N, C-alpha and C. Protein backbone atom coordinates (compact mmCIF):
# COMPACT_ATOMS: atom_id res chain seq x y z
N MET A 1 -33.21 -1.25 7.06
CA MET A 1 -31.82 -1.69 7.23
C MET A 1 -31.25 -1.13 8.53
N ASN A 2 -30.60 -1.99 9.31
CA ASN A 2 -29.88 -1.55 10.49
C ASN A 2 -28.52 -1.03 10.05
N LEU A 3 -28.39 0.30 9.95
CA LEU A 3 -27.17 0.89 9.38
C LEU A 3 -25.94 0.59 10.22
N ALA A 4 -26.10 0.64 11.53
CA ALA A 4 -24.95 0.38 12.40
C ALA A 4 -24.44 -1.05 12.22
N GLN A 5 -25.37 -2.00 12.10
CA GLN A 5 -24.97 -3.40 11.90
C GLN A 5 -24.34 -3.59 10.52
N ALA A 6 -24.92 -2.94 9.50
CA ALA A 6 -24.37 -3.04 8.14
C ALA A 6 -22.96 -2.46 8.08
N ARG A 7 -22.74 -1.35 8.78
CA ARG A 7 -21.41 -0.74 8.82
C ARG A 7 -20.41 -1.66 9.54
N PHE A 8 -20.85 -2.23 10.65
CA PHE A 8 -20.01 -3.17 11.39
C PHE A 8 -19.62 -4.36 10.52
N ASN A 9 -20.60 -4.91 9.80
CA ASN A 9 -20.34 -6.06 8.92
C ASN A 9 -19.36 -5.69 7.81
N MET A 10 -19.51 -4.49 7.25
CA MET A 10 -18.59 -4.03 6.20
C MET A 10 -17.16 -4.01 6.73
N ILE A 11 -16.98 -3.46 7.91
CA ILE A 11 -15.64 -3.34 8.48
C ILE A 11 -15.07 -4.71 8.81
N GLU A 12 -15.87 -5.57 9.42
CA GLU A 12 -15.37 -6.86 9.90
C GLU A 12 -15.25 -7.91 8.80
N GLN A 13 -16.13 -7.85 7.80
CA GLN A 13 -16.16 -8.91 6.79
C GLN A 13 -15.48 -8.54 5.48
N GLN A 14 -15.36 -7.22 5.20
CA GLN A 14 -14.72 -6.80 3.95
C GLN A 14 -13.35 -6.16 4.19
N ILE A 15 -13.28 -5.29 5.18
CA ILE A 15 -12.11 -4.43 5.33
C ILE A 15 -11.01 -5.10 6.15
N ARG A 16 -11.33 -5.66 7.30
CA ARG A 16 -10.31 -6.37 8.08
C ARG A 16 -9.66 -7.52 7.31
N PRO A 17 -10.43 -8.35 6.59
CA PRO A 17 -9.80 -9.45 5.85
C PRO A 17 -8.84 -8.97 4.75
N TRP A 18 -8.94 -7.69 4.39
CA TRP A 18 -8.03 -7.12 3.40
C TRP A 18 -6.81 -6.49 4.08
N GLU A 19 -6.51 -6.97 5.26
CA GLU A 19 -5.33 -6.56 6.01
C GLU A 19 -5.34 -5.09 6.40
N VAL A 20 -6.52 -4.52 6.55
CA VAL A 20 -6.63 -3.17 7.11
C VAL A 20 -6.84 -3.34 8.61
N LEU A 21 -5.77 -3.14 9.37
CA LEU A 21 -5.79 -3.44 10.80
C LEU A 21 -5.46 -2.22 11.65
N ASP A 22 -5.18 -1.07 11.02
CA ASP A 22 -4.89 0.15 11.76
C ASP A 22 -6.14 0.56 12.54
N PRO A 23 -6.08 0.57 13.87
CA PRO A 23 -7.29 0.87 14.65
C PRO A 23 -7.85 2.26 14.39
N GLU A 24 -6.99 3.23 14.08
CA GLU A 24 -7.48 4.58 13.81
C GLU A 24 -8.30 4.62 12.52
N ILE A 25 -7.86 3.89 11.51
CA ILE A 25 -8.60 3.86 10.25
C ILE A 25 -9.91 3.10 10.40
N LEU A 26 -9.90 2.00 11.13
CA LEU A 26 -11.14 1.26 11.37
C LEU A 26 -12.14 2.12 12.14
N ALA A 27 -11.65 2.88 13.11
CA ALA A 27 -12.53 3.78 13.87
C ALA A 27 -13.09 4.88 12.98
N LEU A 28 -12.26 5.39 12.06
CA LEU A 28 -12.69 6.44 11.15
C LEU A 28 -13.79 5.95 10.21
N LEU A 29 -13.66 4.72 9.74
CA LEU A 29 -14.67 4.14 8.85
C LEU A 29 -15.99 3.92 9.57
N ASN A 30 -15.93 3.77 10.88
CA ASN A 30 -17.15 3.64 11.66
C ASN A 30 -17.76 5.02 11.95
N GLU A 31 -16.88 6.02 12.04
CA GLU A 31 -17.32 7.38 12.39
C GLU A 31 -17.91 8.12 11.20
N ILE A 32 -17.27 8.00 10.02
CA ILE A 32 -17.73 8.71 8.83
C ILE A 32 -18.71 7.82 8.08
N HIS A 33 -19.93 8.24 7.96
CA HIS A 33 -21.01 7.40 7.45
C HIS A 33 -21.02 7.41 5.92
N ARG A 34 -20.62 6.32 5.37
CA ARG A 34 -20.49 6.17 3.91
C ARG A 34 -21.81 6.45 3.19
N GLU A 35 -22.91 6.03 3.79
CA GLU A 35 -24.21 6.19 3.14
C GLU A 35 -24.59 7.65 2.96
N ASP A 36 -24.01 8.54 3.77
CA ASP A 36 -24.32 9.97 3.66
C ASP A 36 -23.69 10.60 2.41
N TYR A 37 -22.81 9.87 1.76
CA TYR A 37 -22.11 10.40 0.58
C TYR A 37 -22.61 9.76 -0.72
N LEU A 38 -23.79 9.17 -0.67
CA LEU A 38 -24.35 8.53 -1.86
C LEU A 38 -25.69 9.15 -2.23
N PRO A 39 -26.01 9.14 -3.54
CA PRO A 39 -27.35 9.57 -3.94
C PRO A 39 -28.41 8.70 -3.28
N LEU A 40 -29.59 9.23 -3.09
CA LEU A 40 -30.67 8.52 -2.39
C LEU A 40 -30.91 7.14 -3.00
N ALA A 41 -30.90 7.06 -4.32
CA ALA A 41 -31.20 5.80 -4.99
C ALA A 41 -30.12 4.74 -4.76
N SER A 42 -28.94 5.16 -4.33
CA SER A 42 -27.82 4.22 -4.17
C SER A 42 -27.45 3.94 -2.72
N LYS A 43 -28.17 4.54 -1.78
CA LYS A 43 -27.78 4.41 -0.36
C LYS A 43 -27.75 2.96 0.10
N ALA A 44 -28.63 2.12 -0.45
CA ALA A 44 -28.67 0.72 -0.05
C ALA A 44 -27.40 -0.03 -0.43
N LEU A 45 -26.61 0.55 -1.35
CA LEU A 45 -25.37 -0.10 -1.81
C LEU A 45 -24.15 0.37 -1.02
N ALA A 46 -24.36 1.21 -0.02
CA ALA A 46 -23.24 1.85 0.68
C ALA A 46 -22.26 0.85 1.27
N PHE A 47 -22.74 -0.29 1.72
CA PHE A 47 -21.89 -1.22 2.45
C PHE A 47 -21.57 -2.48 1.64
N VAL A 48 -21.92 -2.47 0.37
CA VAL A 48 -21.68 -3.63 -0.49
C VAL A 48 -20.24 -3.60 -1.01
N ASP A 49 -19.65 -4.77 -1.17
CA ASP A 49 -18.26 -4.89 -1.62
C ASP A 49 -18.18 -4.71 -3.14
N MET A 50 -18.37 -3.46 -3.58
CA MET A 50 -18.37 -3.16 -5.01
C MET A 50 -18.20 -1.66 -5.19
N GLU A 51 -17.89 -1.26 -6.42
CA GLU A 51 -17.93 0.15 -6.76
C GLU A 51 -19.39 0.57 -6.92
N VAL A 52 -19.72 1.74 -6.40
CA VAL A 52 -21.11 2.22 -6.47
C VAL A 52 -21.20 3.29 -7.56
N PRO A 53 -22.12 3.13 -8.52
CA PRO A 53 -22.25 4.13 -9.59
C PRO A 53 -22.63 5.50 -9.04
N LEU A 54 -22.05 6.54 -9.66
CA LEU A 54 -22.34 7.92 -9.33
C LEU A 54 -22.77 8.65 -10.60
N PRO A 55 -23.36 9.85 -10.48
CA PRO A 55 -23.72 10.62 -11.68
C PRO A 55 -22.51 10.87 -12.57
N GLY A 56 -22.78 11.04 -13.87
CA GLY A 56 -21.71 11.35 -14.81
C GLY A 56 -20.86 10.17 -15.20
N GLY A 57 -21.35 8.95 -14.94
CA GLY A 57 -20.60 7.76 -15.32
C GLY A 57 -19.43 7.45 -14.42
N GLN A 58 -19.33 8.13 -13.28
CA GLN A 58 -18.24 7.89 -12.33
C GLN A 58 -18.66 6.83 -11.31
N SER A 59 -17.73 6.43 -10.48
CA SER A 59 -18.00 5.41 -9.48
C SER A 59 -17.31 5.75 -8.17
N MET A 60 -17.87 5.26 -7.09
CA MET A 60 -17.26 5.33 -5.76
C MET A 60 -16.48 4.03 -5.56
N LEU A 61 -15.21 4.13 -5.19
CA LEU A 61 -14.40 2.94 -5.01
C LEU A 61 -15.00 2.02 -3.95
N ALA A 62 -14.72 0.73 -4.06
CA ALA A 62 -15.20 -0.23 -3.07
C ALA A 62 -14.62 0.11 -1.69
N PRO A 63 -15.36 -0.16 -0.61
CA PRO A 63 -14.90 0.21 0.73
C PRO A 63 -13.52 -0.31 1.08
N ARG A 64 -13.23 -1.56 0.74
CA ARG A 64 -11.93 -2.15 1.11
C ARG A 64 -10.78 -1.47 0.36
N VAL A 65 -11.04 -0.99 -0.85
CA VAL A 65 -9.99 -0.32 -1.63
C VAL A 65 -9.67 1.03 -1.00
N GLU A 66 -10.70 1.78 -0.65
CA GLU A 66 -10.49 3.08 0.01
C GLU A 66 -9.73 2.91 1.33
N ALA A 67 -10.14 1.92 2.10
CA ALA A 67 -9.53 1.70 3.41
C ALA A 67 -8.07 1.28 3.30
N ARG A 68 -7.79 0.38 2.37
CA ARG A 68 -6.41 -0.10 2.22
C ARG A 68 -5.50 1.02 1.69
N ALA A 69 -6.01 1.82 0.77
CA ALA A 69 -5.23 2.95 0.24
C ALA A 69 -4.90 3.93 1.37
N LEU A 70 -5.89 4.21 2.20
CA LEU A 70 -5.68 5.14 3.31
C LEU A 70 -4.62 4.60 4.27
N GLN A 71 -4.67 3.31 4.54
CA GLN A 71 -3.68 2.70 5.43
C GLN A 71 -2.28 2.75 4.82
N ASP A 72 -2.18 2.44 3.54
CA ASP A 72 -0.86 2.39 2.88
C ASP A 72 -0.20 3.77 2.81
N LEU A 73 -1.02 4.83 2.71
CA LEU A 73 -0.46 6.18 2.54
C LEU A 73 0.06 6.80 3.84
N LYS A 74 -0.46 6.32 4.97
CA LYS A 74 0.01 6.82 6.28
C LYS A 74 -0.02 8.36 6.34
N VAL A 75 -1.17 8.94 6.00
CA VAL A 75 -1.33 10.39 5.99
C VAL A 75 -1.19 10.94 7.40
N GLN A 76 -0.45 12.06 7.53
CA GLN A 76 -0.19 12.69 8.82
C GLN A 76 -0.94 14.02 8.94
N LYS A 77 -1.16 14.44 10.18
CA LYS A 77 -1.97 15.62 10.45
C LYS A 77 -1.41 16.92 9.86
N HIS A 78 -0.11 16.99 9.61
CA HIS A 78 0.48 18.23 9.10
C HIS A 78 0.52 18.25 7.57
N GLU A 79 0.01 17.21 6.91
CA GLU A 79 0.24 17.06 5.47
C GLU A 79 -0.88 17.65 4.62
N LYS A 80 -0.48 18.07 3.41
CA LYS A 80 -1.39 18.61 2.41
C LYS A 80 -1.61 17.55 1.33
N VAL A 81 -2.88 17.32 0.98
CA VAL A 81 -3.25 16.21 0.10
C VAL A 81 -3.96 16.74 -1.14
N LEU A 82 -3.63 16.15 -2.29
CA LEU A 82 -4.36 16.38 -3.54
C LEU A 82 -5.05 15.07 -3.91
N GLU A 83 -6.36 15.14 -4.13
CA GLU A 83 -7.10 13.99 -4.64
C GLU A 83 -7.56 14.28 -6.05
N VAL A 84 -7.41 13.32 -6.94
CA VAL A 84 -7.93 13.42 -8.30
C VAL A 84 -9.12 12.47 -8.41
N GLY A 85 -10.29 13.05 -8.64
CA GLY A 85 -11.52 12.26 -8.71
C GLY A 85 -12.30 12.35 -7.42
N ALA A 86 -12.94 13.49 -7.16
CA ALA A 86 -13.64 13.68 -5.89
C ALA A 86 -14.82 12.73 -5.73
N GLY A 87 -15.48 12.42 -6.85
CA GLY A 87 -16.65 11.55 -6.75
C GLY A 87 -17.69 12.15 -5.83
N SER A 88 -18.08 11.40 -4.81
CA SER A 88 -19.11 11.84 -3.88
C SER A 88 -18.54 12.64 -2.72
N GLY A 89 -17.21 12.69 -2.60
CA GLY A 89 -16.57 13.40 -1.50
C GLY A 89 -16.20 12.51 -0.33
N PHE A 90 -16.51 11.22 -0.39
CA PHE A 90 -16.27 10.34 0.76
C PHE A 90 -14.78 10.15 1.03
N MET A 91 -14.00 9.89 -0.01
CA MET A 91 -12.56 9.71 0.20
C MET A 91 -11.93 11.02 0.68
N ALA A 92 -12.41 12.15 0.17
CA ALA A 92 -11.91 13.44 0.63
C ALA A 92 -12.19 13.62 2.12
N ALA A 93 -13.35 13.15 2.57
CA ALA A 93 -13.68 13.24 3.99
C ALA A 93 -12.75 12.39 4.84
N LEU A 94 -12.48 11.17 4.37
CA LEU A 94 -11.54 10.30 5.09
C LEU A 94 -10.16 10.96 5.17
N LEU A 95 -9.69 11.46 4.03
CA LEU A 95 -8.37 12.10 3.99
C LEU A 95 -8.33 13.34 4.88
N ALA A 96 -9.41 14.11 4.88
CA ALA A 96 -9.44 15.35 5.65
C ALA A 96 -9.31 15.09 7.15
N HIS A 97 -9.81 13.96 7.60
CA HIS A 97 -9.70 13.63 9.02
C HIS A 97 -8.28 13.20 9.39
N ARG A 98 -7.47 12.88 8.39
CA ARG A 98 -6.09 12.46 8.65
C ARG A 98 -5.08 13.56 8.35
N ALA A 99 -5.46 14.53 7.51
CA ALA A 99 -4.52 15.53 6.98
C ALA A 99 -4.84 16.93 7.50
N GLN A 100 -3.95 17.85 7.14
CA GLN A 100 -4.20 19.26 7.46
C GLN A 100 -5.17 19.88 6.46
N ARG A 101 -4.97 19.57 5.17
CA ARG A 101 -5.78 20.18 4.12
C ARG A 101 -5.89 19.22 2.94
N VAL A 102 -7.06 19.20 2.31
CA VAL A 102 -7.29 18.36 1.14
C VAL A 102 -7.87 19.22 0.03
N ILE A 103 -7.27 19.11 -1.16
CA ILE A 103 -7.84 19.70 -2.38
C ILE A 103 -8.25 18.53 -3.27
N SER A 104 -9.52 18.46 -3.61
CA SER A 104 -10.05 17.35 -4.38
C SER A 104 -10.58 17.86 -5.71
N LEU A 105 -10.09 17.28 -6.80
CA LEU A 105 -10.45 17.72 -8.15
C LEU A 105 -11.52 16.80 -8.73
N GLU A 106 -12.52 17.39 -9.36
CA GLU A 106 -13.57 16.61 -10.01
C GLU A 106 -13.89 17.23 -11.36
N ILE A 107 -13.81 16.44 -12.40
CA ILE A 107 -13.99 16.94 -13.77
C ILE A 107 -15.46 17.21 -14.08
N ASN A 108 -16.38 16.53 -13.39
CA ASN A 108 -17.81 16.67 -13.65
C ASN A 108 -18.41 17.71 -12.71
N PRO A 109 -18.90 18.84 -13.23
CA PRO A 109 -19.40 19.91 -12.35
C PRO A 109 -20.54 19.47 -11.44
N GLU A 110 -21.45 18.64 -11.96
CA GLU A 110 -22.58 18.16 -11.15
C GLU A 110 -22.08 17.34 -9.96
N LEU A 111 -21.11 16.49 -10.23
CA LEU A 111 -20.56 15.64 -9.18
C LEU A 111 -19.74 16.46 -8.18
N ALA A 112 -19.03 17.46 -8.68
CA ALA A 112 -18.26 18.34 -7.79
C ALA A 112 -19.19 19.05 -6.81
N GLU A 113 -20.33 19.51 -7.29
CA GLU A 113 -21.29 20.19 -6.40
C GLU A 113 -21.88 19.20 -5.39
N PHE A 114 -22.12 17.97 -5.83
CA PHE A 114 -22.63 16.93 -4.93
C PHE A 114 -21.61 16.65 -3.82
N ALA A 115 -20.34 16.54 -4.19
CA ALA A 115 -19.29 16.29 -3.20
C ALA A 115 -19.17 17.46 -2.22
N ARG A 116 -19.21 18.68 -2.75
CA ARG A 116 -19.14 19.86 -1.89
C ARG A 116 -20.27 19.86 -0.86
N SER A 117 -21.47 19.58 -1.35
CA SER A 117 -22.64 19.56 -0.48
C SER A 117 -22.50 18.50 0.61
N ASN A 118 -22.02 17.32 0.24
CA ASN A 118 -21.85 16.24 1.21
C ASN A 118 -20.84 16.62 2.29
N LEU A 119 -19.73 17.20 1.89
CA LEU A 119 -18.70 17.59 2.85
C LEU A 119 -19.19 18.70 3.77
N GLN A 120 -19.94 19.64 3.19
CA GLN A 120 -20.48 20.73 4.00
C GLN A 120 -21.46 20.21 5.04
N LYS A 121 -22.36 19.30 4.62
CA LYS A 121 -23.33 18.73 5.55
C LYS A 121 -22.64 17.97 6.68
N ALA A 122 -21.50 17.35 6.36
CA ALA A 122 -20.77 16.56 7.35
C ALA A 122 -19.87 17.43 8.23
N GLY A 123 -19.79 18.73 7.93
CA GLY A 123 -18.98 19.62 8.72
C GLY A 123 -17.49 19.50 8.48
N VAL A 124 -17.12 19.00 7.29
CA VAL A 124 -15.70 18.87 6.94
C VAL A 124 -15.24 20.20 6.34
N SER A 125 -14.42 20.94 7.08
CA SER A 125 -14.06 22.30 6.68
C SER A 125 -12.67 22.40 6.03
N ASN A 126 -11.88 21.34 6.08
CA ASN A 126 -10.51 21.41 5.55
C ASN A 126 -10.35 20.63 4.24
N ALA A 127 -11.47 20.39 3.55
CA ALA A 127 -11.44 19.76 2.22
C ALA A 127 -12.16 20.66 1.24
N GLU A 128 -11.50 20.96 0.14
CA GLU A 128 -12.05 21.84 -0.89
C GLU A 128 -12.19 21.05 -2.19
N VAL A 129 -13.36 21.14 -2.81
CA VAL A 129 -13.60 20.47 -4.09
C VAL A 129 -13.56 21.49 -5.21
N ARG A 130 -12.74 21.22 -6.23
CA ARG A 130 -12.62 22.12 -7.37
C ARG A 130 -13.02 21.39 -8.66
N VAL A 131 -13.68 22.11 -9.56
CA VAL A 131 -13.95 21.56 -10.89
C VAL A 131 -12.68 21.71 -11.71
N ALA A 132 -12.05 20.58 -12.02
CA ALA A 132 -10.78 20.62 -12.75
C ALA A 132 -10.50 19.24 -13.33
N ASP A 133 -9.69 19.21 -14.36
CA ASP A 133 -9.24 17.97 -15.00
C ASP A 133 -7.90 17.59 -14.38
N GLY A 134 -7.91 16.61 -13.52
CA GLY A 134 -6.69 16.21 -12.82
C GLY A 134 -5.60 15.68 -13.72
N ALA A 135 -5.97 15.28 -14.94
CA ALA A 135 -4.97 14.78 -15.88
C ALA A 135 -4.21 15.91 -16.55
N ARG A 136 -4.75 17.14 -16.49
CA ARG A 136 -4.16 18.23 -17.27
C ARG A 136 -3.91 19.51 -16.47
N ASP A 137 -4.71 19.75 -15.45
CA ASP A 137 -4.61 21.02 -14.73
C ASP A 137 -3.56 20.93 -13.62
N VAL A 138 -2.45 21.59 -13.81
CA VAL A 138 -1.42 21.65 -12.79
C VAL A 138 -1.90 22.57 -11.68
N GLN A 139 -1.76 22.13 -10.44
CA GLN A 139 -2.29 22.88 -9.31
C GLN A 139 -1.27 23.87 -8.75
N ALA A 140 -1.68 25.12 -8.63
CA ALA A 140 -0.79 26.16 -8.11
C ALA A 140 -0.49 25.95 -6.63
N ASP A 141 -1.29 25.11 -5.96
CA ASP A 141 -1.12 24.90 -4.52
C ASP A 141 -0.03 23.88 -4.20
N GLY A 142 0.52 23.22 -5.19
CA GLY A 142 1.55 22.21 -4.96
C GLY A 142 2.86 22.83 -4.53
N PRO A 143 3.83 22.00 -4.15
CA PRO A 143 3.77 20.54 -4.15
C PRO A 143 2.98 20.00 -2.95
N PHE A 144 2.66 18.70 -3.03
CA PHE A 144 1.83 18.05 -2.03
C PHE A 144 2.59 16.93 -1.32
N ASP A 145 2.16 16.67 -0.08
CA ASP A 145 2.72 15.54 0.67
C ASP A 145 2.15 14.22 0.18
N VAL A 146 0.89 14.25 -0.21
CA VAL A 146 0.19 13.04 -0.64
C VAL A 146 -0.68 13.38 -1.84
N ILE A 147 -0.69 12.49 -2.84
CA ILE A 147 -1.60 12.59 -3.98
C ILE A 147 -2.34 11.26 -4.10
N VAL A 148 -3.66 11.33 -4.23
CA VAL A 148 -4.49 10.14 -4.33
C VAL A 148 -5.27 10.19 -5.63
N LEU A 149 -5.15 9.16 -6.44
CA LEU A 149 -5.97 9.03 -7.65
C LEU A 149 -7.10 8.07 -7.31
N SER A 150 -8.31 8.60 -7.20
CA SER A 150 -9.47 7.79 -6.80
C SER A 150 -10.12 7.16 -8.03
N GLY A 151 -9.36 6.31 -8.68
CA GLY A 151 -9.77 5.61 -9.89
C GLY A 151 -8.52 5.04 -10.52
N SER A 152 -8.67 4.37 -11.66
CA SER A 152 -7.50 3.73 -12.27
C SER A 152 -6.96 4.52 -13.45
N VAL A 153 -5.68 4.29 -13.74
CA VAL A 153 -4.99 4.89 -14.89
C VAL A 153 -4.11 3.83 -15.52
N ALA A 154 -3.79 4.03 -16.80
CA ALA A 154 -2.87 3.11 -17.46
C ALA A 154 -1.45 3.32 -16.96
N GLU A 155 -1.11 4.57 -16.70
CA GLU A 155 0.18 4.91 -16.13
C GLU A 155 0.05 6.24 -15.40
N VAL A 156 0.97 6.48 -14.47
CA VAL A 156 0.95 7.74 -13.72
C VAL A 156 1.75 8.78 -14.48
N PRO A 157 1.15 9.92 -14.83
CA PRO A 157 1.88 10.92 -15.61
C PRO A 157 2.94 11.64 -14.78
N ALA A 158 4.01 12.03 -15.44
CA ALA A 158 5.10 12.74 -14.77
C ALA A 158 4.63 14.05 -14.16
N SER A 159 3.62 14.67 -14.79
CA SER A 159 3.12 15.96 -14.28
C SER A 159 2.61 15.84 -12.85
N LEU A 160 2.04 14.69 -12.49
CA LEU A 160 1.57 14.50 -11.12
C LEU A 160 2.73 14.14 -10.19
N LEU A 161 3.64 13.31 -10.66
CA LEU A 161 4.80 12.98 -9.84
C LEU A 161 5.59 14.23 -9.48
N ASN A 162 5.63 15.17 -10.40
CA ASN A 162 6.36 16.42 -10.16
C ASN A 162 5.67 17.30 -9.11
N GLN A 163 4.41 16.97 -8.79
CA GLN A 163 3.68 17.72 -7.76
C GLN A 163 3.96 17.18 -6.35
N LEU A 164 4.73 16.12 -6.25
CA LEU A 164 5.04 15.55 -4.94
C LEU A 164 6.22 16.26 -4.28
N LYS A 165 6.12 16.50 -2.99
CA LYS A 165 7.27 16.94 -2.22
C LYS A 165 8.24 15.77 -2.06
N VAL A 166 9.48 16.07 -1.75
CA VAL A 166 10.41 15.00 -1.36
C VAL A 166 9.86 14.35 -0.10
N GLY A 167 9.76 13.04 -0.12
CA GLY A 167 9.14 12.31 0.97
C GLY A 167 7.65 12.09 0.77
N GLY A 168 7.09 12.71 -0.28
CA GLY A 168 5.67 12.58 -0.56
C GLY A 168 5.33 11.26 -1.21
N ARG A 169 4.06 10.85 -1.08
CA ARG A 169 3.58 9.58 -1.63
C ARG A 169 2.38 9.79 -2.55
N LEU A 170 2.37 9.04 -3.63
CA LEU A 170 1.24 9.05 -4.56
C LEU A 170 0.63 7.66 -4.61
N PHE A 171 -0.70 7.60 -4.51
CA PHE A 171 -1.41 6.32 -4.65
C PHE A 171 -2.22 6.33 -5.93
N ALA A 172 -2.12 5.25 -6.69
CA ALA A 172 -2.93 5.08 -7.90
C ALA A 172 -3.18 3.59 -8.13
N ILE A 173 -4.25 3.29 -8.83
CA ILE A 173 -4.51 1.93 -9.30
C ILE A 173 -4.11 1.91 -10.76
N VAL A 174 -3.09 1.12 -11.10
CA VAL A 174 -2.42 1.23 -12.39
C VAL A 174 -2.52 -0.09 -13.17
N GLY A 175 -2.82 0.03 -14.47
CA GLY A 175 -2.80 -1.15 -15.33
C GLY A 175 -4.08 -1.32 -16.11
N TYR A 176 -4.33 -2.56 -16.50
CA TYR A 176 -5.45 -2.87 -17.38
C TYR A 176 -6.23 -4.05 -16.81
N GLU A 177 -7.53 -4.11 -17.13
CA GLU A 177 -8.31 -5.28 -16.73
C GLU A 177 -7.75 -6.52 -17.42
N PRO A 178 -7.81 -7.69 -16.78
CA PRO A 178 -8.58 -8.02 -15.58
C PRO A 178 -7.85 -7.78 -14.26
N VAL A 179 -6.57 -7.40 -14.31
CA VAL A 179 -5.83 -7.20 -13.06
C VAL A 179 -5.10 -5.86 -13.12
N MET A 180 -5.33 -5.03 -12.13
CA MET A 180 -4.59 -3.78 -11.98
C MET A 180 -3.85 -3.83 -10.64
N ARG A 181 -2.83 -2.98 -10.48
CA ARG A 181 -2.02 -3.01 -9.27
C ARG A 181 -2.18 -1.72 -8.48
N ALA A 182 -2.46 -1.86 -7.20
CA ALA A 182 -2.38 -0.71 -6.31
C ALA A 182 -0.93 -0.28 -6.24
N THR A 183 -0.66 0.98 -6.51
CA THR A 183 0.70 1.47 -6.68
C THR A 183 0.95 2.66 -5.77
N VAL A 184 1.99 2.56 -4.96
CA VAL A 184 2.40 3.68 -4.11
C VAL A 184 3.80 4.12 -4.55
N ILE A 185 3.88 5.36 -5.01
CA ILE A 185 5.15 5.92 -5.48
C ILE A 185 5.61 6.98 -4.48
N THR A 186 6.84 6.84 -4.00
CA THR A 186 7.41 7.78 -3.03
C THR A 186 8.52 8.58 -3.70
N ARG A 187 8.49 9.89 -3.49
CA ARG A 187 9.57 10.73 -4.02
C ARG A 187 10.71 10.75 -3.00
N ASP A 188 11.77 10.04 -3.30
CA ASP A 188 12.88 9.90 -2.37
C ASP A 188 13.83 11.10 -2.40
N SER A 189 13.92 11.75 -3.56
CA SER A 189 14.75 12.95 -3.72
C SER A 189 14.19 13.72 -4.91
N ASP A 190 14.84 14.81 -5.29
CA ASP A 190 14.33 15.60 -6.41
C ASP A 190 14.15 14.77 -7.67
N LYS A 191 15.06 13.83 -7.92
CA LYS A 191 15.05 13.10 -9.19
C LYS A 191 14.75 11.61 -9.04
N ASN A 192 14.64 11.12 -7.81
CA ASN A 192 14.48 9.68 -7.61
C ASN A 192 13.14 9.35 -6.96
N PHE A 193 12.51 8.30 -7.50
CA PHE A 193 11.24 7.81 -6.99
C PHE A 193 11.35 6.30 -6.75
N SER A 194 10.65 5.81 -5.75
CA SER A 194 10.58 4.36 -5.53
C SER A 194 9.12 3.94 -5.58
N THR A 195 8.89 2.71 -6.03
CA THR A 195 7.53 2.22 -6.27
C THR A 195 7.32 0.87 -5.62
N VAL A 196 6.17 0.72 -4.96
CA VAL A 196 5.74 -0.60 -4.49
C VAL A 196 4.33 -0.83 -5.01
N GLN A 197 4.01 -2.11 -5.25
CA GLN A 197 2.67 -2.48 -5.73
C GLN A 197 2.16 -3.63 -4.85
N PRO A 198 1.61 -3.28 -3.68
CA PRO A 198 1.36 -4.30 -2.65
C PRO A 198 0.13 -5.18 -2.85
N TRP A 199 -0.80 -4.80 -3.72
CA TRP A 199 -2.00 -5.62 -3.87
C TRP A 199 -2.66 -5.34 -5.21
N ASP A 200 -3.55 -6.25 -5.61
CA ASP A 200 -4.26 -6.18 -6.89
C ASP A 200 -5.72 -5.79 -6.69
N THR A 201 -6.26 -5.12 -7.67
CA THR A 201 -7.68 -4.79 -7.66
C THR A 201 -8.06 -4.36 -9.08
N VAL A 202 -9.28 -3.91 -9.26
CA VAL A 202 -9.74 -3.33 -10.53
C VAL A 202 -10.61 -2.12 -10.18
N ALA A 203 -10.47 -1.03 -10.93
CA ALA A 203 -11.26 0.17 -10.67
C ALA A 203 -11.60 0.88 -11.97
N THR A 204 -12.65 1.67 -11.93
CA THR A 204 -13.08 2.46 -13.07
C THR A 204 -12.00 3.47 -13.46
N ARG A 205 -11.85 3.71 -14.75
CA ARG A 205 -10.86 4.66 -15.25
C ARG A 205 -11.20 6.10 -14.86
N LEU A 206 -10.16 6.86 -14.52
CA LEU A 206 -10.29 8.31 -14.43
C LEU A 206 -10.28 8.89 -15.85
N GLN A 207 -11.01 9.97 -16.05
CA GLN A 207 -11.15 10.53 -17.39
C GLN A 207 -9.89 11.30 -17.82
N ASN A 208 -9.59 11.19 -19.12
CA ASN A 208 -8.59 12.01 -19.83
C ASN A 208 -7.13 11.66 -19.52
N PHE A 209 -6.88 10.63 -18.72
CA PHE A 209 -5.50 10.22 -18.52
C PHE A 209 -5.04 9.43 -19.75
N PRO A 210 -3.75 9.52 -20.11
CA PRO A 210 -3.27 8.88 -21.33
C PRO A 210 -3.43 7.36 -21.30
N GLU A 211 -3.72 6.83 -22.47
CA GLU A 211 -3.84 5.38 -22.64
C GLU A 211 -2.79 4.93 -23.67
N PRO A 212 -1.57 4.64 -23.23
CA PRO A 212 -0.53 4.24 -24.18
C PRO A 212 -0.91 2.94 -24.89
N SER A 213 -0.43 2.82 -26.11
CA SER A 213 -0.69 1.60 -26.87
C SER A 213 -0.08 0.40 -26.16
N ARG A 214 -0.83 -0.70 -26.10
CA ARG A 214 -0.32 -1.93 -25.48
C ARG A 214 0.34 -2.85 -26.51
N PHE A 215 0.35 -2.41 -27.77
CA PHE A 215 0.94 -3.24 -28.83
C PHE A 215 2.46 -3.19 -28.76
N LYS A 216 3.09 -4.34 -28.75
CA LYS A 216 4.56 -4.41 -28.74
C LYS A 216 5.02 -5.41 -29.78
N LEU A 217 6.09 -5.05 -30.48
CA LEU A 217 6.67 -5.97 -31.46
C LEU A 217 7.43 -7.08 -30.75
């Protein structure tokens, strides 16, 4: 496989058509090699428009979803980021190149070690992977400028919204199959939040987040 050509095709045929046009993000996707963050058996799937299976029943988000989320969040160099769902460490690497510091939580110890190893090999020094349950473990390092949920949830818990600084943004994929909504929540003041849902997608569930009953009278 010609990796450079496959990466170029991914950017031009999957990511640009999804309205990811920020030149810095497109350059970053060319610079950070997605295939380096996958198990050997899955490297051939690095550039495919799909979620890639990871150990522990987890998945790596599709390339266009990661790219669009990164563009929508507008992460700045002075900002501190919390990611829930480290997976292979690829999204943490992307965020680390845009932010001052990234803390990435992974509930699966094997996967957390895999992500740590990938980031270390890539020389990413401002991203830390912790074994933790992002649905339950409140982080002492908060509040954060940006929070990223690298997977889907039925709803965003208040405990995570409370970890946002004023002016901070949270990204999550919210809802139920067959259609979920990419959701960006901004903390406008101590008590007020605003929400936009600019596009649709589907993603694997993050573990242990609440699943409210969908039954209504």
